[in-house]
Amino acid sequence: MTQIDVQHVSQPEVARALRQYTDFLTLFVEPTSPTQAAKAAGMAPNLAHHHVGKLADLGLLFEQRREGGKVFYTDCAPFHNIPQRALHVIAYRATRSFCFSLRSG
């Protein structure tokens, strides 16, 4: 899999994960291993591996490469477009689609 420009979110569980794990997902702007993410987030490595597996299953992270026994993941897209019908899941009140980026700048 390669990174796409915009991820169009239609599943409520994906929208929910974006809301719940936004800070964690920002650690994967560049290829990062779960262990590196755990150190940066101040969490146990096994918890970071659990979150990464969950987010990868939802299509929010993908395996970018393997290197020396480590797996590096990156975000699937720099922008996430969430249509109005899915916004109620993440507690936003809007009249149209919502697009945001995990990247700064």
C-alpha atoms as a PDB file:
ATOM      1  CA  MET A   1       0.000   0.000   0.000  1.00  0.00           C
ATOM      2  CA  THR A   2       1.124   3.542  -0.636  1.00  0.00           C
ATOM      3  CA  GLN A   3       0.020   6.793   0.881  1.00  0.00           C
ATOM      4  CA  ILE A   4      -2.960   8.519  -0.731  1.00  0.00           C
ATOM      5  CA  ASP A   5      -3.657  12.278  -0.845  1.00  0.00           C
ATOM      6  CA  VAL A   6      -7.023  12.247   0.950  1.00  0.00           C
ATOM      7  CA  GLN A   7      -8.758   9.441   2.806  1.00  0.00           C
ATOM      8  CA  HIS A   8     -12.546   9.603   2.471  1.00  0.00           C
ATOM      9  CA  VAL A   9     -13.967   8.240   5.702  1.00  0.00           C
ATOM     10  CA  SER A  10     -17.380   6.615   5.454  1.00  0.00           C
ATOM     11  CA  GLN A  11     -17.323   4.099   8.295  1.00  0.00           C
ATOM     12  CA  PRO A  12     -18.308   5.359  11.757  1.00  0.00           C
ATOM     13  CA  GLU A  13     -15.672   3.198  13.469  1.00  0.00           C
ATOM     14  CA  VAL A  14     -12.938   4.869  11.383  1.00  0.00           C
ATOM     15  CA  ALA A  15     -14.288   8.337  12.209  1.00  0.00           C
ATOM     16  CA  ARG A  16     -14.387   7.363  15.883  1.00  0.00           C
ATOM     17  CA  ALA A  17     -10.781   6.119  15.785  1.00  0.00           C
ATOM     18  CA  LEU A  18      -9.659   9.376  14.159  1.00  0.00           C
ATOM     19  CA  ARG A  19     -11.200  11.263  17.068  1.00  0.00           C
ATOM     20  CA  GLN A  20      -9.883   8.969  19.788  1.00  0.00           C
ATOM     21  CA  TYR A  21      -6.354   8.484  18.454  1.00  0.00           C
ATOM     22  CA  THR A  22      -5.540  11.810  16.765  1.00  0.00           C
ATOM     23  CA  ASP A  23      -2.540  12.508  19.011  1.00  0.00           C
ATOM     24  CA  PHE A  24      -1.213   8.976  18.589  1.00  0.00           C
ATOM     25  CA  LEU A  25      -1.690   9.082  14.806  1.00  0.00           C
ATOM     26  CA  THR A  26       0.398  12.264  14.554  1.00  0.00           C
ATOM     27  CA  LEU A  27       3.397  10.177  15.619  1.00  0.00           C
ATOM     28  CA  PHE A  28       3.170   8.365  12.260  1.00  0.00           C
ATOM     29  CA  VAL A  29       3.565  11.321   9.901  1.00  0.00           C
ATOM     30  CA  GLU A  30       6.979   9.839   9.129  1.00  0.00           C
ATOM     31  CA  PRO A  31       7.617   6.076   9.174  1.00  0.00           C
ATOM     32  CA  THR A  32       7.680   5.056  12.836  1.00  0.00           C
ATOM     33  CA  SER A  33       7.820   1.746  14.681  1.00  0.00           C
ATOM     34  CA  PRO A  34       5.298   1.038  17.443  1.00  0.00           C
ATOM     35  CA  THR A  35       8.189   0.967  19.923  1.00  0.00           C
ATOM     36  CA  GLN A  36       9.321   4.448  18.852  1.00  0.00           C
ATOM     37  CA  ALA A  37       5.727   5.681  19.125  1.00  0.00           C
ATOM     38  CA  ALA A  38       5.445   4.184  22.609  1.00  0.00           C
ATOM     39  CA  LYS A  39       8.540   6.074  23.775  1.00  0.00           C
ATOM     40  CA  ALA A  40       7.298   9.336  22.240  1.00  0.00           C
ATOM     41  CA  ALA A  41       3.830   8.928  23.768  1.00  0.00           C
ATOM     42  CA  GLY A  42       5.066   7.698  27.135  1.00  0.00           C
ATOM     43  CA  MET A  43       3.114   4.454  26.969  1.00  0.00           C
ATOM     44  CA  ALA A  44       3.932   0.782  27.305  1.00  0.00           C
ATOM     45  CA  PRO A  45       5.255  -0.770  24.078  1.00  0.00           C
ATOM     46  CA  ASN A  46       2.623  -3.535  24.127  1.00  0.00           C
ATOM     47  CA  LEU A  47      -0.154  -0.904  24.280  1.00  0.00           C
ATOM     48  CA  ALA A  48       1.363   0.987  21.340  1.00  0.00           C
ATOM     49  CA  HIS A  49       1.567  -2.262  19.339  1.00  0.00           C
ATOM     50  CA  HIS A  50      -2.087  -2.926  20.175  1.00  0.00           C
ATOM     51  CA  HIS A  51      -3.164   0.558  19.013  1.00  0.00           C
ATOM     52  CA  VAL A  52      -1.092   0.290  15.827  1.00  0.00           C
ATOM     53  CA  GLY A  53      -2.700  -3.059  14.977  1.00  0.00           C
ATOM     54  CA  LYS A  54      -6.153  -1.599  15.524  1.00  0.00           C
ATOM     55  CA  LEU A  55      -5.431   1.495  13.437  1.00  0.00           C
ATOM     56  CA  ALA A  56      -3.844  -0.555  10.663  1.00  0.00           C
ATOM     57  CA  ASP A  57      -6.903  -2.837  10.576  1.00  0.00           C
ATOM     58  CA  LEU A  58      -9.077   0.270  10.153  1.00  0.00           C
ATOM     59  CA  GLY A  59      -6.894   1.505   7.295  1.00  0.00           C
ATOM     60  CA  LEU A  60      -5.531   4.565   9.122  1.00  0.00           C
ATOM     61  CA  LEU A  61      -1.944   3.281   9.239  1.00  0.00           C
ATOM     62  CA  PHE A  62      -0.077   1.054   6.832  1.00  0.00           C
ATOM     63  CA  GLU A  63       3.135  -0.889   6.954  1.00  0.00           C
ATOM     64  CA  GLN A  64       5.685   1.251   5.164  1.00  0.00           C
ATOM     65  CA  ARG A  65       8.741  -0.983   5.544  1.00  0.00           C
ATOM     66  CA  ARG A  66      10.541  -3.616   7.626  1.00  0.00           C
ATOM     67  CA  GLU A  67      14.062  -3.055   8.819  1.00  0.00           C
ATOM     68  CA  GLY A  68      16.129  -5.253  11.126  1.00  0.00           C
ATOM     69  CA  GLY A  69      13.130  -6.962  12.681  1.00  0.00           C
ATOM     70  CA  LYS A  70      11.224  -3.692  13.175  1.00  0.00           C
ATOM     71  CA  VAL A  71       8.067  -2.760  11.323  1.00  0.00           C
ATOM     72  CA  PHE A  72       7.594   0.902  10.431  1.00  0.00           C
ATOM     73  CA  TYR A  73       4.125   2.341   9.882  1.00  0.00           C
ATOM     74  CA  THR A  74       2.961   5.649   8.450  1.00  0.00           C
ATOM     75  CA  ASP A  75      -0.370   7.393   8.183  1.00  0.00           C
ATOM     76  CA  CYS A  76      -2.430   6.391   5.169  1.00  0.00           C
ATOM     77  CA  ALA A  77      -3.145   9.979   4.083  1.00  0.00           C
ATOM     78  CA  PRO A  78      -2.180  13.516   5.059  1.00  0.00           C
ATOM     79  CA  PHE A  79      -5.872  14.540   4.952  1.00  0.00           C
ATOM     80  CA  HIS A  80      -9.041  12.787   6.109  1.00  0.00           C
ATOM     81  CA  ASN A  81     -12.420  13.811   4.692  1.00  0.00           C
ATOM     82  CA  ILE A  82     -15.375  12.874   6.877  1.00  0.00           C
ATOM     83  CA  PRO A  83     -18.858  13.318   5.338  1.00  0.00           C
ATOM     84  CA  GLN A  84     -21.636  14.891   7.399  1.00  0.00           C
ATOM     85  CA  ARG A  85     -23.442  11.582   7.990  1.00  0.00           C
ATOM     86  CA  ALA A  86     -20.391  10.245   9.861  1.00  0.00           C
ATOM     87  CA  LEU A  87     -19.648  13.412  11.816  1.00  0.00           C
ATOM     88  CA  HIS A  88     -22.120  12.652  14.614  1.00  0.00           C
ATOM     89  CA  VAL A  89     -19.793   9.858  15.672  1.00  0.00           C
ATOM     90  CA  ILE A  90     -16.978  12.261  16.442  1.00  0.00           C
ATOM     91  CA  ALA A  91     -19.184  14.860  18.138  1.00  0.00           C
ATOM     92  CA  TYR A  92     -18.973  17.631  15.566  1.00  0.00           C
ATOM     93  CA  ARG A  93     -22.066  19.493  14.465  1.00  0.00           C
ATOM     94  CA  ALA A  94     -21.658  20.536  10.865  1.00  0.00           C
ATOM     95  CA  THR A  95     -23.738  21.123   7.798  1.00  0.00           C
ATOM     96  CA  ARG A  96     -21.222  19.716   5.348  1.00  0.00           C
ATOM     97  CA  SER A  97     -18.191  17.482   5.152  1.00  0.00           C
ATOM     98  CA  PHE A  98     -15.224  18.030   7.419  1.00  0.00           C
ATOM     99  CA  CYS A  99     -11.613  17.643   6.310  1.00  0.00           C
ATOM    100  CA  PHE A 100      -8.606  17.760   8.566  1.00  0.00           C
ATOM    101  CA  SER A 101      -4.936  16.949   8.525  1.00  0.00           C
ATOM    102  CA  LEU A 102      -2.820  15.138  11.088  1.00  0.00           C
ATOM    103  CA  ARG A 103       0.169  17.119   9.856  1.00  0.00           C
ATOM    104  CA  SER A 104       1.151  20.531  11.089  1.00  0.00           C
ATOM    105  CA  GLY A 105       1.647  23.472   8.777  1.00  0.00           C
END
